[in-house]
Amino acid sequence: MGREFPLPAETRVFVVANQKGGVGKTTTTVNVAAGLALYGARILVIDLDPQGNASTALGIEHSEGTPGIYEAVIEGEPLSKLLAPCAEHPGIMVVPATIDLAGAEIELVSIVARESRLKKALDAHLAETEAAGEKYDYVFIDCPPSLGLLTVNALTAAREVLVPIQSEYYALEGLSQLLRHIDMVKSHLNPTLDVSTILLTMYDARTKLAGEVAAEVRGHFQDAVLRTAVPRSVRISEAPSHGQTVLAYDPASAGALSYLEASREIAMRNNA
C-alpha cells in the first residue's frame, strides 16, 4: 500500500483500557494495529485479557498450555520466547493470552514489585529488539475489563492510554472511574503516562444520544479525541468469528475504513 503514515522516532507504547466491558477495547486494539501495519509499521500486540480475544482476532493459537503473557508476568520468561507472528498482517507480532492468566491477579498479590512485572519484561524486550535493529514502532496492550493488577501492570508499562468510549450515557460514568485510576498510577508508578487518545466506538449518527455523548467527550477531552468515530457495524462483530480483523475480513466496509482512518490519525500524532 506504500508508506503514507509517518513512523515514530521512538516506540510508542499504548495501553487500550476501559474497565467497562463491551466498549470495543479488543476490536480497537487489533484493528488499529492492523491499520498501522498495512502502512509499514512494526507492531507488538500484548494480549493481557484472560479471554484471549485479541489473540483470536489475529489468528493466534492461545489454547490452554500455550506459552504466553502469563509466563512473562508470573514466571519471568522473556517476551522473545513467547512471540507469535500474525499470518494475516505481516509486521504484527503477538504475545497471546491463555486461560492461565485468569489466576494471575491472585498470584501477583504475593510477588515483589507486582505492579511492574510487565514493564520489566517489555522494557527488556524493546531494548533487545532495538539493539538488533528490529525496533517496534508501536506496542498495543489489550487490557481485561477491570481495574485489577493486570490493568495496573499495563498502565505502568505504557506511555500512552487509548480509551475506546461507547457512544452511550453509561460510558461516561465509567470513564471518570478509569481516569481516577489512571491518576493514581501516574502519582505512584508511572508519572509520564498520558491519556493521549480517545476513540468513540459503536457510534450511531441517527441517534441524538450519540451526538450528545460525542459533544460532551470532545468538550472535556478536546484534542485527545480522534475526529474519526467508529460506527456500529455487523462486519466488525462478524470478523473475530473468522479469526480475522475487520480490515482483513471486509476491507471495504464502513467499520474497516473507520479503523484505517483512526490508525492514520494516531500515526499523524507522532508525539513519541
Protein backbone atom coordinates (compact mmCIF):
# COMPACT_ATOMS: atom_id res chain seq x y z
CA MET A 1 0.00 0.00 0.00
CA GLY A 2 3.02 2.28 0.16
CA ARG A 3 4.12 4.11 3.27
CA GLU A 4 1.91 7.13 3.77
CA PHE A 5 1.98 7.13 7.55
CA PRO A 6 4.97 8.69 9.33
CA LEU A 7 6.72 6.26 11.66
CA PRO A 8 7.62 7.42 15.18
CA ALA A 9 11.24 8.05 16.11
CA GLU A 10 10.72 6.09 19.34
CA THR A 11 8.47 3.15 20.08
CA ARG A 12 5.01 4.34 21.16
CA VAL A 13 3.57 2.07 23.86
CA PHE A 14 -0.22 2.21 24.16
CA VAL A 15 -2.44 0.59 26.74
CA VAL A 16 -6.01 0.17 25.47
CA ALA A 17 -8.07 0.48 28.64
CA ASN A 18 -11.62 0.86 29.85
CA GLN A 19 -12.96 -1.15 32.78
CA LYS A 20 -16.41 -1.24 31.16
CA GLY A 21 -16.88 -4.39 29.08
CA GLY A 22 -18.19 -4.39 25.52
CA VAL A 23 -16.91 -0.94 24.51
CA GLY A 24 -14.60 -2.19 21.74
CA LYS A 25 -11.22 -2.43 23.50
CA THR A 26 -10.07 -5.59 21.77
CA THR A 27 -11.66 -4.62 18.46
CA THR A 28 -9.85 -1.28 18.63
CA THR A 29 -6.53 -2.88 19.61
CA VAL A 30 -6.42 -5.37 16.74
CA ASN A 31 -7.85 -3.11 14.04
CA VAL A 32 -5.72 -0.06 14.83
CA ALA A 33 -2.68 -2.38 14.91
CA ALA A 34 -3.74 -3.86 11.56
CA GLY A 35 -4.27 -0.41 10.06
CA LEU A 36 -0.81 0.77 11.10
CA ALA A 37 0.80 -2.49 9.93
CA LEU A 38 -0.76 -2.05 6.48
CA TYR A 39 1.33 1.08 6.14
CA GLY A 40 4.62 -0.50 7.08
CA ALA A 41 4.73 -0.12 10.87
CA ARG A 42 6.18 -2.91 13.05
CA ILE A 43 3.72 -3.71 15.82
CA LEU A 44 3.74 -5.73 19.03
CA VAL A 45 0.32 -6.68 20.42
CA ILE A 46 0.25 -7.94 24.01
CA ASP A 47 -2.98 -9.72 24.90
CA LEU A 48 -3.46 -9.20 28.64
CA ASP A 49 -7.10 -10.33 28.77
CA PRO A 50 -7.61 -13.93 30.02
CA GLN A 51 -10.40 -14.32 27.44
CA GLY A 52 -7.73 -14.06 24.72
CA ASN A 53 -10.00 -12.26 22.24
CA ALA A 54 -7.18 -10.25 20.68
CA SER A 55 -5.29 -13.50 20.07
CA THR A 56 -8.41 -14.96 18.41
CA ALA A 57 -8.95 -11.94 16.16
CA LEU A 58 -5.32 -12.06 15.00
CA GLY A 59 -5.47 -15.80 14.33
CA ILE A 60 -3.02 -16.74 17.09
CA GLU A 61 -3.15 -20.06 18.95
CA HIS A 62 -3.99 -19.50 22.61
CA SER A 63 -5.40 -22.75 23.93
CA GLU A 64 -4.58 -23.83 27.48
CA GLY A 65 -0.89 -24.62 27.84
CA THR A 66 0.24 -22.30 25.02
CA PRO A 67 3.15 -20.15 26.26
CA GLY A 68 2.03 -16.53 26.50
CA ILE A 69 1.95 -13.38 28.59
CA TYR A 70 1.24 -15.38 31.77
CA GLU A 71 4.74 -16.89 31.56
CA ALA A 72 6.26 -13.42 31.18
CA VAL A 73 4.38 -11.73 34.03
CA ILE A 74 4.34 -14.57 36.56
CA GLU A 75 7.37 -16.69 35.68
CA GLY A 76 9.70 -14.04 34.22
CA GLU A 77 10.07 -15.62 30.76
CA PRO A 78 11.50 -13.20 28.15
CA LEU A 79 8.91 -11.95 25.65
CA SER A 80 11.12 -13.05 22.75
CA LYS A 81 10.32 -16.69 23.62
CA LEU A 82 6.56 -16.08 23.63
CA LEU A 83 6.02 -14.22 20.35
CA ALA A 84 3.81 -15.48 17.54
CA PRO A 85 3.65 -13.79 14.11
CA CYS A 86 0.25 -12.78 12.72
CA ALA A 87 -0.09 -14.51 9.34
CA GLU A 88 -2.84 -12.19 8.10
CA HIS A 89 -0.95 -8.98 8.86
CA PRO A 90 2.81 -9.10 8.24
CA GLY A 91 4.52 -6.76 10.67
CA ILE A 92 2.40 -7.72 13.71
CA MET A 93 3.88 -9.90 16.44
CA VAL A 94 1.61 -11.13 19.23
CA VAL A 95 2.14 -12.30 22.80
CA PRO A 96 -1.03 -14.37 23.34
CA ALA A 97 -3.17 -14.71 26.46
CA THR A 98 -4.40 -18.07 27.71
CA ILE A 99 -6.91 -19.01 30.39
CA ASP A 100 -3.92 -19.43 32.78
CA LEU A 101 -3.99 -15.63 33.04
CA ALA A 102 -7.31 -15.82 34.92
CA GLY A 103 -5.44 -16.76 38.09
CA ALA A 104 -2.66 -14.23 37.60
CA GLU A 105 -4.41 -11.48 39.61
CA ILE A 106 -4.26 -13.68 42.73
CA GLU A 107 -0.72 -14.92 42.05
CA LEU A 108 0.57 -11.37 41.56
CA VAL A 109 -0.53 -10.33 45.06
CA SER A 110 2.42 -12.06 46.73
CA ILE A 111 5.07 -11.18 44.12
CA VAL A 112 7.65 -8.46 44.81
CA ALA A 113 7.21 -5.32 42.63
CA ARG A 114 3.98 -6.86 41.39
CA GLU A 115 2.80 -3.70 39.57
CA SER A 116 5.84 -3.54 37.30
CA ARG A 117 6.25 -7.15 36.14
CA LEU A 118 5.00 -6.39 32.64
CA LYS A 119 7.06 -3.18 32.39
CA LYS A 120 10.23 -5.07 33.26
CA ALA A 121 9.56 -7.74 30.61
CA LEU A 122 8.53 -5.19 27.95
CA ASP A 123 11.44 -2.79 28.56
CA ALA A 124 13.92 -5.67 28.27
CA HIS A 125 12.31 -6.86 25.01
CA LEU A 126 12.21 -3.37 23.47
CA ALA A 127 15.90 -2.83 24.33
CA GLU A 128 16.77 -6.22 22.85
CA THR A 129 14.88 -5.63 19.57
CA GLU A 130 16.25 -2.11 19.18
CA ALA A 131 19.81 -3.37 19.66
CA ALA A 132 19.16 -5.97 16.96
CA GLY A 133 17.90 -3.28 14.54
CA GLU A 134 14.33 -4.61 14.73
CA LYS A 135 12.68 -1.78 16.65
CA TYR A 136 8.89 -1.83 17.03
CA ASP A 137 7.06 1.32 16.01
CA TYR A 138 4.03 0.63 18.22
CA VAL A 139 3.12 -1.61 21.14
CA PHE A 140 -0.56 -2.16 22.00
CA ILE A 141 -1.55 -3.78 25.30
CA ASP A 142 -5.13 -5.06 25.36
CA CYS A 143 -6.49 -4.98 28.94
CA PRO A 144 -9.18 -7.01 30.69
CA PRO A 145 -12.43 -5.15 31.55
CA SER A 146 -11.43 -4.47 35.15
CA LEU A 147 -9.14 -2.24 37.20
CA GLY A 148 -7.20 -5.10 38.80
CA LEU A 149 -3.48 -5.85 38.92
CA LEU A 150 -3.25 -6.85 35.26
CA THR A 151 -4.58 -3.46 34.19
CA VAL A 152 -2.24 -1.74 36.70
CA ASN A 153 0.67 -3.66 35.13
CA ALA A 154 -0.39 -2.45 31.68
CA LEU A 155 -0.74 1.18 32.83
CA THR A 156 2.68 1.00 34.49
CA ALA A 157 4.31 -0.40 31.34
CA ALA A 158 2.72 2.02 28.85
CA ARG A 159 3.43 5.59 27.86
CA GLU A 160 0.08 6.45 26.32
CA VAL A 161 -3.51 5.45 27.06
CA LEU A 162 -6.00 4.83 24.27
CA VAL A 163 -9.56 4.80 25.63
CA PRO A 164 -12.39 3.47 23.45
CA ILE A 165 -15.68 5.03 24.58
CA GLN A 166 -19.05 3.64 23.58
CA SER A 167 -21.42 6.39 22.49
CA GLU A 168 -23.85 5.78 25.36
CA TYR A 169 -24.59 7.55 28.64
CA TYR A 170 -23.21 4.85 30.96
CA ALA A 171 -19.88 5.01 29.17
CA LEU A 172 -19.28 8.49 30.61
CA GLU A 173 -19.96 7.30 34.16
CA GLY A 174 -17.34 4.56 33.87
CA LEU A 175 -14.84 6.94 32.35
CA SER A 176 -14.47 9.09 35.48
CA GLN A 177 -13.61 5.95 37.48
CA LEU A 178 -10.99 4.95 34.89
CA LEU A 179 -9.43 8.43 34.96
CA ARG A 180 -9.15 8.36 38.77
CA HIS A 181 -7.39 5.01 38.47
CA ILE A 182 -5.01 6.37 35.82
CA ASP A 183 -4.22 9.40 38.04
CA MET A 184 -3.37 7.05 40.89
CA VAL A 185 -0.99 5.07 38.67
CA LYS A 186 0.57 8.35 37.48
CA SER A 187 1.10 9.53 41.06
CA HIS A 188 2.72 6.35 42.35
CA LEU A 189 4.05 4.25 39.48
CA ASN A 190 4.26 5.95 36.07
CA PRO A 191 4.40 9.77 36.11
CA THR A 192 4.82 10.07 32.32
CA LEU A 193 1.57 8.22 31.49
CA ASP A 194 -0.64 10.31 29.19
CA VAL A 195 -4.28 9.84 28.13
CA SER A 196 -3.33 10.77 24.58
CA THR A 197 -6.09 9.19 22.51
CA ILE A 198 -9.84 8.72 22.88
CA LEU A 199 -11.89 6.92 20.23
CA LEU A 200 -15.68 6.95 20.03
CA THR A 201 -16.94 3.46 19.17
CA MET A 202 -20.33 1.94 18.25
CA TYR A 203 -21.38 5.39 17.04
CA ASP A 204 -24.88 5.65 15.61
CA ALA A 205 -25.24 9.04 13.93
CA ARG A 206 -29.02 8.58 13.73
CA THR A 207 -29.48 8.92 17.50
CA LYS A 208 -29.49 12.17 19.42
CA LEU A 209 -27.77 10.49 22.39
CA ALA A 210 -24.69 9.53 20.35
CA GLY A 211 -24.29 13.15 19.27
CA GLU A 212 -24.69 14.39 22.86
CA VAL A 213 -22.14 11.89 24.22
CA ALA A 214 -19.70 12.79 21.44
CA ALA A 215 -20.09 16.52 22.16
CA GLU A 216 -19.55 16.01 25.89
CA VAL A 217 -16.46 13.83 25.34
CA ARG A 218 -14.98 16.29 22.83
CA GLY A 219 -15.77 19.22 25.13
CA HIS A 220 -13.99 17.58 28.05
CA PHE A 221 -11.01 15.97 26.31
CA GLN A 222 -10.51 18.40 23.44
CA ASP A 223 -7.73 17.32 21.08
CA ALA A 224 -7.27 13.86 22.63
CA VAL A 225 -10.49 12.73 20.89
CA LEU A 226 -9.96 11.41 17.38
CA ARG A 227 -12.08 13.03 14.68
CA THR A 228 -12.98 9.55 13.43
CA ALA A 229 -15.84 7.75 15.21
CA VAL A 230 -16.26 4.03 14.58
CA PRO A 231 -19.85 3.21 13.58
CA ARG A 232 -21.94 0.27 14.76
CA SER A 233 -21.21 -2.42 12.21
CA VAL A 234 -22.23 -6.03 11.68
CA ARG A 235 -18.96 -6.62 9.82
CA ILE A 236 -16.90 -5.56 12.87
CA SER A 237 -18.87 -8.04 15.01
CA GLU A 238 -18.54 -10.88 12.49
CA ALA A 239 -14.80 -10.61 11.85
CA PRO A 240 -13.49 -12.25 15.09
CA SER A 241 -15.58 -15.40 14.49
CA HIS A 242 -13.46 -15.88 11.35
CA GLY A 243 -10.23 -15.29 13.30
CA GLN A 244 -9.72 -12.00 11.48
CA THR A 245 -9.65 -8.25 11.96
CA VAL A 246 -12.36 -6.33 10.10
CA LEU A 247 -9.59 -4.93 7.88
CA ALA A 248 -8.86 -8.47 6.67
CA TYR A 249 -12.46 -9.72 6.75
CA ASP A 250 -14.10 -6.90 4.77
CA PRO A 251 -11.61 -4.14 3.95
CA ALA A 252 -14.19 -2.07 2.07
CA SER A 253 -16.73 -1.98 4.93
CA ALA A 254 -17.51 1.21 6.85
CA GLY A 255 -16.01 -0.29 10.02
CA ALA A 256 -12.72 -1.17 8.30
CA LEU A 257 -12.42 2.26 6.70
CA SER A 258 -13.13 3.96 10.05
CA TYR A 259 -10.39 1.97 11.80
CA LEU A 260 -7.99 2.69 8.95
CA GLU A 261 -8.71 6.40 9.32
CA ALA A 262 -8.32 6.19 13.12
CA SER A 263 -4.93 4.49 12.57
CA ARG A 264 -3.90 7.32 10.25
CA GLU A 265 -4.88 9.93 12.85
CA ILE A 266 -2.85 8.15 15.54
CA ALA A 267 0.15 7.93 13.21
CA MET A 268 -0.09 11.62 12.34
CA ARG A 269 0.07 12.45 16.06
CA ASN A 270 3.56 11.10 16.38
CA ASN A 271 4.26 12.60 19.77
CA ALA A 272 6.72 9.90 20.86
